[in-house]
Protein backbone atom coordinates (compact mmCIF):
# COMPACT_ATOMS: atom_id res chain seq x y z
CA MET A 1 -0.67 -16.89 -14.29
CA LYS A 2 -2.91 -13.81 -15.41
CA PHE A 3 -4.91 -14.14 -12.27
CA LEU A 4 -1.41 -13.54 -10.11
CA PHE A 5 -0.76 -10.71 -12.24
CA PHE A 6 -4.31 -9.14 -11.60
CA CYS A 7 -4.04 -9.74 -7.89
CA THR A 8 -0.57 -8.14 -7.80
CA LEU A 9 -1.92 -5.15 -9.66
CA LEU A 10 -4.66 -4.55 -7.45
CA LEU A 11 -2.89 -4.80 -4.26
CA VAL A 12 -0.19 -2.72 -5.21
CA SER A 13 -2.83 -0.10 -6.91
CA ALA A 14 -4.66 0.01 -3.61
CA GLY A 15 -1.68 0.54 -1.58
CA VAL A 16 -0.99 3.61 -3.90
CA VAL A 17 -4.29 4.98 -3.30
CA CYS A 18 -4.00 4.40 0.25
CA LEU A 19 -0.54 6.11 0.31
CA ILE A 20 -2.08 9.29 -1.56
CA ALA A 21 -5.01 9.33 0.90
CA VAL A 22 -2.47 9.10 3.95
CA ILE A 23 -0.56 12.41 2.13
CA ILE A 24 -4.06 14.14 1.55
CA ILE A 25 -5.34 13.54 4.93
CA GLY A 26 -2.04 14.12 6.84
CA SER A 27 -1.84 14.48 10.61
CA SER A 28 -2.70 17.00 13.12
CA VAL A 29 -2.18 17.87 16.63
CA ASP A 30 -5.47 19.23 18.65
CA ALA A 31 -5.80 21.91 21.56
CA ALA A 32 -5.29 18.95 24.15
CA GLY A 33 -1.95 17.89 22.40
CA VAL A 34 -3.73 14.55 20.95
CA LEU A 35 -2.29 13.66 17.36
CA HIS A 36 -4.63 12.73 14.89
CA GLU A 37 -3.30 10.62 11.97
CA PRO A 38 -4.75 7.76 9.92
CA LEU A 39 -2.85 4.74 11.14
CA ALA A 40 -5.21 2.26 9.57
CA LEU A 41 -4.74 3.62 6.21
CA MET A 42 -0.80 3.68 6.84
CA ASP A 43 -1.35 -0.22 7.69
CA LEU A 44 -3.17 -1.05 4.75
CA CYS A 45 -0.95 0.96 2.45
CA VAL A 46 2.04 -1.09 3.90
CA THR A 47 0.57 -4.60 3.81
CA SER A 48 -1.04 -4.20 0.28
CA LEU A 49 2.28 -3.15 -1.24
CA VAL A 50 4.50 -5.82 0.48
CA ALA A 51 1.85 -8.56 -0.33
CA GLY A 52 1.65 -7.19 -3.88
CA MET A 53 5.47 -6.97 -4.20
CA ALA A 54 5.78 -10.27 -2.89
CA LEU A 55 3.16 -11.91 -5.32
CA GLY A 56 4.67 -9.90 -8.12
CA LEU A 57 7.87 -11.30 -7.26
CA THR A 58 6.57 -14.72 -7.10
CA GLY A 59 4.94 -14.56 -10.52
CA ALA A 60 7.94 -13.22 -12.00
CA CYS A 61 10.21 -15.99 -10.59
CA SER A 62 7.46 -18.60 -11.37
CA ALA A 63 8.00 -17.24 -15.30
CA PHE A 64 11.37 -17.13 -15.07
CA TRP A 65 11.88 -20.65 -13.87
CA ARG A 66 9.36 -21.93 -16.59
CA ARG A 67 11.30 -20.30 -19.26
CA VAL A 68 14.58 -21.87 -18.25
CA ARG A 69 13.25 -25.43 -17.90
CA ARG A 70 11.89 -25.24 -21.43
CA SER A 71 15.24 -24.61 -22.66
């Protein structure tokens, strides 16, 4: 259970760091009209946050189910 918690914490924190990096880097348009933005960081941010939330929800449901079954 602790391993699941730490994996969740790692994934969510990685997603938040990527989100902060995307905000800091920003996007720009050069003279030729080409848009430059950190798409890989955006994808990594969303993937990490969704995976972290899914793991967290799974862990919370598992802990809840264990308590319900004990009583």
